[in-house]
Amino acid sequence: MAHLITPTTRLHAQWLAARDEWGRGVHQDGSGLRPEDEVATAEGFAAFVGKLRRESDPAVPPVAGWVHCTYWWIVEDDEVLGAIALRHELNDILLDAGGHIGYGVRPGARRRGLASWALGQVLPYARDLGLDRVLLTCEVGNEASRRTIEGNGGECEDVRDTPLGRVRRYWISLAAARPSGEDHGV
């Protein structure tokens, strides 16, 4: 059974296997991986994991132009299947094109409902941050992501051209998200 975990150096080899399945240098939605991140060595990977953890800490000011963001890895039996990220607020580019939540599932683990499940797990956490609704976007041709968002209550606001390409923009109301006292797996 899959679960969400905070990024950890313990799964370095498993994370690299997932990255290699995506393809080196390929963007992985929700992972927090940026072109400047060096993840092949233990030291570089530890710096990457540390960066992800700092970005989620409201006591640590975000890098200029960025917002606080909490990251989780989707894991099953120590196999890294994907990632999901919750941005705590929106800046201009996130409001236009990126949204509050980004997620990605490695190619070999797709078509199992993992993205829908992970999104459902993260929505109560977003509500706990004080958000009334969250924005999610997907490329116009990404039918799997469209179904994931709509299956979690996403209502399409519009389709627009953005610096990230043509995207559908959806809002999900958090009024129905389970209370934080219940086990929502995060």
C-alpha atoms as a PDB file:
ATOM      1  CA  MET A   1       0.000   0.000   0.000  1.00  0.00           C
ATOM      2  CA  ALA A   2       1.313   3.442  -0.907  1.00  0.00           C
ATOM      3  CA  HIS A   3       1.846   6.196   1.626  1.00  0.00           C
ATOM      4  CA  LEU A   4       3.228   9.736   1.668  1.00  0.00           C
ATOM      5  CA  ILE A   5       6.508  10.460   3.407  1.00  0.00           C
ATOM      6  CA  THR A   6       8.670  13.494   3.991  1.00  0.00           C
ATOM      7  CA  PRO A   7      11.706  13.431   1.685  1.00  0.00           C
ATOM      8  CA  THR A   8      14.570  11.468   3.240  1.00  0.00           C
ATOM      9  CA  THR A   9      18.165  10.675   2.378  1.00  0.00           C
ATOM     10  CA  ARG A  10      17.460   7.050   3.325  1.00  0.00           C
ATOM     11  CA  LEU A  11      15.834   6.451  -0.073  1.00  0.00           C
ATOM     12  CA  HIS A  12      18.612   7.932  -2.211  1.00  0.00           C
ATOM     13  CA  ALA A  13      19.061   4.860  -4.456  1.00  0.00           C
ATOM     14  CA  GLN A  14      15.300   4.393  -4.819  1.00  0.00           C
ATOM     15  CA  TRP A  15      14.813   8.080  -5.654  1.00  0.00           C
ATOM     16  CA  LEU A  16      17.545   7.864  -8.303  1.00  0.00           C
ATOM     17  CA  ALA A  17      15.830   4.811  -9.831  1.00  0.00           C
ATOM     18  CA  ALA A  18      12.592   6.796 -10.097  1.00  0.00           C
ATOM     19  CA  ARG A  19      14.437   9.784 -11.576  1.00  0.00           C
ATOM     20  CA  ASP A  20      16.123   7.541 -14.140  1.00  0.00           C
ATOM     21  CA  GLU A  21      12.765   6.072 -15.150  1.00  0.00           C
ATOM     22  CA  TRP A  22      11.517   9.618 -15.804  1.00  0.00           C
ATOM     23  CA  GLY A  23      14.767  10.342 -17.638  1.00  0.00           C
ATOM     24  CA  ARG A  24      17.670  12.460 -16.469  1.00  0.00           C
ATOM     25  CA  GLY A  25      17.016  16.142 -16.944  1.00  0.00           C
ATOM     26  CA  VAL A  26      13.255  15.619 -17.386  1.00  0.00           C
ATOM     27  CA  HIS A  27      10.991  17.869 -15.317  1.00  0.00           C
ATOM     28  CA  GLN A  28       9.149  15.935 -12.595  1.00  0.00           C
ATOM     29  CA  ASP A  29       6.069  17.791 -11.375  1.00  0.00           C
ATOM     30  CA  GLY A  30       5.838  17.970  -7.598  1.00  0.00           C
ATOM     31  CA  SER A  31       9.405  16.837  -6.937  1.00  0.00           C
ATOM     32  CA  GLY A  32      11.077  20.178  -6.254  1.00  0.00           C
ATOM     33  CA  LEU A  33      13.982  19.099  -8.463  1.00  0.00           C
ATOM     34  CA  ARG A  34      15.585  22.017 -10.283  1.00  0.00           C
ATOM     35  CA  PRO A  35      18.282  21.958 -12.977  1.00  0.00           C
ATOM     36  CA  GLU A  36      20.931  23.204 -10.541  1.00  0.00           C
ATOM     37  CA  ASP A  37      20.319  20.387  -8.032  1.00  0.00           C
ATOM     38  CA  GLU A  38      23.079  17.772  -7.932  1.00  0.00           C
ATOM     39  CA  VAL A  39      21.520  14.555  -6.685  1.00  0.00           C
ATOM     40  CA  ALA A  40      23.888  11.784  -7.835  1.00  0.00           C
ATOM     41  CA  THR A  41      26.213  11.939  -4.820  1.00  0.00           C
ATOM     42  CA  ALA A  42      25.197  11.349  -1.207  1.00  0.00           C
ATOM     43  CA  GLU A  43      26.271  14.906  -0.336  1.00  0.00           C
ATOM     44  CA  GLY A  44      24.363  16.482  -3.218  1.00  0.00           C
ATOM     45  CA  PHE A  45      21.254  14.435  -2.474  1.00  0.00           C
ATOM     46  CA  ALA A  46      21.423  15.408   1.208  1.00  0.00           C
ATOM     47  CA  ALA A  47      21.576  19.073   0.153  1.00  0.00           C
ATOM     48  CA  PHE A  48      18.555  18.546  -2.124  1.00  0.00           C
ATOM     49  CA  VAL A  49      16.519  16.870   0.650  1.00  0.00           C
ATOM     50  CA  GLY A  50      17.564  19.637   3.064  1.00  0.00           C
ATOM     51  CA  LYS A  51      16.377  22.257   0.573  1.00  0.00           C
ATOM     52  CA  LEU A  52      12.981  20.566   0.273  1.00  0.00           C
ATOM     53  CA  ARG A  53      12.602  20.481   4.051  1.00  0.00           C
ATOM     54  CA  ARG A  54      13.641  24.146   4.455  1.00  0.00           C
ATOM     55  CA  GLU A  55      11.118  25.236   1.824  1.00  0.00           C
ATOM     56  CA  SER A  56       8.313  23.758   3.930  1.00  0.00           C
ATOM     57  CA  ASP A  57       9.407  25.451   7.166  1.00  0.00           C
ATOM     58  CA  PRO A  58       7.476  28.714   7.724  1.00  0.00           C
ATOM     59  CA  ALA A  59      10.244  29.886  10.080  1.00  0.00           C
ATOM     60  CA  VAL A  60      12.741  29.896   7.179  1.00  0.00           C
ATOM     61  CA  PRO A  61      12.198  32.765   4.717  1.00  0.00           C
ATOM     62  CA  PRO A  62      11.704  31.478   1.158  1.00  0.00           C
ATOM     63  CA  VAL A  63      14.186  32.243  -1.593  1.00  0.00           C
ATOM     64  CA  ALA A  64      13.272  35.456  -3.420  1.00  0.00           C
ATOM     65  CA  GLY A  65      10.543  34.762  -5.970  1.00  0.00           C
ATOM     66  CA  TRP A  66       9.544  31.449  -4.363  1.00  0.00           C
ATOM     67  CA  VAL A  67       6.924  30.539  -1.735  1.00  0.00           C
ATOM     68  CA  HIS A  68       6.865  28.038   1.104  1.00  0.00           C
ATOM     69  CA  CYS A  69       6.121  24.561  -0.203  1.00  0.00           C
ATOM     70  CA  THR A  70       5.696  21.184   1.503  1.00  0.00           C
ATOM     71  CA  TYR A  71       6.884  18.095  -0.390  1.00  0.00           C
ATOM     72  CA  TRP A  72       5.984  14.442   0.034  1.00  0.00           C
ATOM     73  CA  TRP A  73       7.138  11.363  -1.805  1.00  0.00           C
ATOM     74  CA  ILE A  74       4.656   8.694  -2.803  1.00  0.00           C
ATOM     75  CA  VAL A  75       6.272   5.478  -1.580  1.00  0.00           C
ATOM     76  CA  GLU A  76       5.361   1.797  -1.483  1.00  0.00           C
ATOM     77  CA  ASP A  77       7.696  -0.741   0.163  1.00  0.00           C
ATOM     78  CA  ASP A  78      10.534   1.823  -0.061  1.00  0.00           C
ATOM     79  CA  GLU A  79       9.997   2.248  -3.819  1.00  0.00           C
ATOM     80  CA  VAL A  80       9.618   5.927  -4.746  1.00  0.00           C
ATOM     81  CA  LEU A  81       6.588   6.091  -7.035  1.00  0.00           C
ATOM     82  CA  GLY A  82       6.180   9.845  -7.329  1.00  0.00           C
ATOM     83  CA  ALA A  83       5.933  13.141  -5.515  1.00  0.00           C
ATOM     84  CA  ILE A  84       3.390  15.775  -4.578  1.00  0.00           C
ATOM     85  CA  ALA A  85       3.981  19.356  -3.471  1.00  0.00           C
ATOM     86  CA  LEU A  86       1.726  21.880  -1.733  1.00  0.00           C
ATOM     87  CA  ARG A  87       2.622  25.540  -2.144  1.00  0.00           C
ATOM     88  CA  HIS A  88       1.431  27.467   0.892  1.00  0.00           C
ATOM     89  CA  GLU A  89       0.452  30.550  -1.115  1.00  0.00           C
ATOM     90  CA  LEU A  90       0.405  31.817  -4.679  1.00  0.00           C
ATOM     91  CA  ASN A  91       2.682  34.349  -6.322  1.00  0.00           C
ATOM     92  CA  ASP A  92       1.908  35.769  -9.774  1.00  0.00           C
ATOM     93  CA  ILE A  93       3.308  32.853 -11.813  1.00  0.00           C
ATOM     94  CA  LEU A  94       1.631  30.270  -9.575  1.00  0.00           C
ATOM     95  CA  LEU A  95      -1.705  32.094  -9.815  1.00  0.00           C
ATOM     96  CA  ASP A  96      -1.405  32.237 -13.591  1.00  0.00           C
ATOM     97  CA  ALA A  97       0.101  28.849 -14.399  1.00  0.00           C
ATOM     98  CA  GLY A  98       1.391  26.690 -11.535  1.00  0.00           C
ATOM     99  CA  GLY A  99      -1.229  26.493  -8.800  1.00  0.00           C
ATOM    100  CA  HIS A 100      -1.006  25.378  -5.178  1.00  0.00           C
ATOM    101  CA  ILE A 101      -0.421  21.678  -5.839  1.00  0.00           C
ATOM    102  CA  GLY A 102       1.813  19.848  -8.278  1.00  0.00           C
ATOM    103  CA  TYR A 103       2.273  16.099  -8.549  1.00  0.00           C
ATOM    104  CA  GLY A 104       3.916  13.500 -10.698  1.00  0.00           C
ATOM    105  CA  VAL A 105       3.989   9.700 -10.834  1.00  0.00           C
ATOM    106  CA  ARG A 106       6.894   7.825 -12.421  1.00  0.00           C
ATOM    107  CA  PRO A 107       5.969   6.200 -15.728  1.00  0.00           C
ATOM    108  CA  GLY A 108       5.980   2.588 -14.476  1.00  0.00           C
ATOM    109  CA  ALA A 109       3.584   3.378 -11.609  1.00  0.00           C
ATOM    110  CA  ARG A 110       0.943   5.257 -13.585  1.00  0.00           C
ATOM    111  CA  ARG A 111      -2.653   4.149 -14.170  1.00  0.00           C
ATOM    112  CA  ARG A 112      -2.981   2.907 -10.570  1.00  0.00           C
ATOM    113  CA  GLY A 113      -4.814   5.944  -9.158  1.00  0.00           C
ATOM    114  CA  LEU A 114      -1.780   7.116  -7.172  1.00  0.00           C
ATOM    115  CA  ALA A 115      -2.048  10.772  -8.198  1.00  0.00           C
ATOM    116  CA  SER A 116      -5.755  10.897  -7.290  1.00  0.00           C
ATOM    117  CA  TRP A 117      -5.063   9.192  -3.972  1.00  0.00           C
ATOM    118  CA  ALA A 118      -2.120  11.494  -3.136  1.00  0.00           C
ATOM    119  CA  LEU A 119      -4.090  14.612  -4.030  1.00  0.00           C
ATOM    120  CA  GLY A 120      -6.922  13.464  -1.774  1.00  0.00           C
ATOM    121  CA  GLN A 121      -4.415  12.984   1.068  1.00  0.00           C
ATOM    122  CA  VAL A 122      -2.936  16.476   0.684  1.00  0.00           C
ATOM    123  CA  LEU A 123      -6.177  18.470   0.454  1.00  0.00           C
ATOM    124  CA  PRO A 124      -6.907  18.291   4.226  1.00  0.00           C
ATOM    125  CA  TYR A 125      -3.359  19.517   4.909  1.00  0.00           C
ATOM    126  CA  ALA A 126      -4.025  22.500   2.623  1.00  0.00           C
ATOM    127  CA  ARG A 127      -7.156  23.268   4.617  1.00  0.00           C
ATOM    128  CA  ASP A 128      -5.127  23.003   7.832  1.00  0.00           C
ATOM    129  CA  LEU A 129      -2.855  25.737   6.420  1.00  0.00           C
ATOM    130  CA  GLY A 130      -5.918  28.007   6.329  1.00  0.00           C
ATOM    131  CA  LEU A 131      -6.644  27.748   2.615  1.00  0.00           C
ATOM    132  CA  ASP A 132     -10.339  27.790   1.639  1.00  0.00           C
ATOM    133  CA  ARG A 133      -9.627  26.519  -1.861  1.00  0.00           C
ATOM    134  CA  VAL A 134      -6.626  25.455  -3.910  1.00  0.00           C
ATOM    135  CA  LEU A 135      -5.671  26.068  -7.505  1.00  0.00           C
ATOM    136  CA  LEU A 136      -4.402  23.210  -9.671  1.00  0.00           C
ATOM    137  CA  THR A 137      -3.361  23.393 -13.284  1.00  0.00           C
ATOM    138  CA  CYS A 138      -2.612  20.878 -15.984  1.00  0.00           C
ATOM    139  CA  GLU A 139      -1.553  20.981 -19.590  1.00  0.00           C
ATOM    140  CA  VAL A 140      -4.579  21.039 -21.877  1.00  0.00           C
ATOM    141  CA  GLY A 141      -3.721  17.643 -23.380  1.00  0.00           C
ATOM    142  CA  ASN A 142      -3.015  15.872 -20.068  1.00  0.00           C
ATOM    143  CA  GLU A 143      -6.225  13.869 -19.719  1.00  0.00           C
ATOM    144  CA  ALA A 144      -4.967  11.793 -16.784  1.00  0.00           C
ATOM    145  CA  SER A 145      -4.254  14.917 -14.743  1.00  0.00           C
ATOM    146  CA  ARG A 146      -7.570  16.462 -15.781  1.00  0.00           C
ATOM    147  CA  ARG A 147      -9.402  13.370 -14.491  1.00  0.00           C
ATOM    148  CA  THR A 148      -7.337  13.393 -11.269  1.00  0.00           C
ATOM    149  CA  ILE A 149      -8.232  17.018 -10.548  1.00  0.00           C
ATOM    150  CA  GLU A 150     -11.895  16.683 -11.510  1.00  0.00           C
ATOM    151  CA  GLY A 151     -12.175  13.460  -9.489  1.00  0.00           C
ATOM    152  CA  ASN A 152     -11.077  15.409  -6.414  1.00  0.00           C
ATOM    153  CA  GLY A 153     -13.693  18.124  -6.938  1.00  0.00           C
ATOM    154  CA  GLY A 154     -11.824  20.457  -9.279  1.00  0.00           C
ATOM    155  CA  GLU A 155     -13.965  22.948 -11.167  1.00  0.00           C
ATOM    156  CA  CYS A 156     -12.433  24.400 -14.315  1.00  0.00           C
ATOM    157  CA  GLU A 157     -12.174  28.190 -14.190  1.00  0.00           C
ATOM    158  CA  ASP A 158     -10.526  28.676 -17.573  1.00  0.00           C
ATOM    159  CA  VAL A 159      -8.018  27.556 -20.162  1.00  0.00           C
ATOM    160  CA  ARG A 160      -5.211  30.007 -20.880  1.00  0.00           C
ATOM    161  CA  ASP A 161      -1.836  30.500 -22.489  1.00  0.00           C
ATOM    162  CA  THR A 162       0.861  30.955 -19.827  1.00  0.00           C
ATOM    163  CA  PRO A 163       4.661  31.065 -19.646  1.00  0.00           C
ATOM    164  CA  LEU A 164       4.414  27.313 -18.908  1.00  0.00           C
ATOM    165  CA  GLY A 165       2.235  26.609 -21.966  1.00  0.00           C
ATOM    166  CA  ARG A 166      -1.519  26.266 -22.465  1.00  0.00           C
ATOM    167  CA  VAL A 167      -3.116  25.104 -19.207  1.00  0.00           C
ATOM    168  CA  ARG A 168      -6.471  24.308 -17.672  1.00  0.00           C
ATOM    169  CA  ARG A 169      -6.929  26.048 -14.311  1.00  0.00           C
ATOM    170  CA  TYR A 170      -9.066  24.347 -11.654  1.00  0.00           C
ATOM    171  CA  TRP A 171     -10.159  25.335  -8.164  1.00  0.00           C
ATOM    172  CA  ILE A 172     -10.946  22.766  -5.486  1.00  0.00           C
ATOM    173  CA  SER A 173     -12.997  23.923  -2.499  1.00  0.00           C
ATOM    174  CA  LEU A 174     -11.627  22.633   0.791  1.00  0.00           C
ATOM    175  CA  ALA A 175     -14.933  22.797   2.653  1.00  0.00           C
ATOM    176  CA  ALA A 176     -15.369  19.044   2.178  1.00  0.00           C
ATOM    177  CA  ALA A 177     -11.793  18.097   3.121  1.00  0.00           C
ATOM    178  CA  ARG A 178     -11.642  15.776   6.118  1.00  0.00           C
ATOM    179  CA  PRO A 179     -10.824  17.377   9.482  1.00  0.00           C
ATOM    180  CA  SER A 180      -7.188  17.253  10.562  1.00  0.00           C
ATOM    181  CA  GLY A 181      -8.092  15.022  13.509  1.00  0.00           C
ATOM    182  CA  GLU A 182      -8.871  12.184  11.100  1.00  0.00           C
ATOM    183  CA  ASP A 183      -6.134  10.072   9.591  1.00  0.00           C
ATOM    184  CA  HIS A 184      -5.561  11.449   6.126  1.00  0.00           C
ATOM    185  CA  GLY A 185      -2.204   9.760   5.728  1.00  0.00           C
ATOM    186  CA  VAL A 186       0.081  12.774   5.760  1.00  0.00           C
END
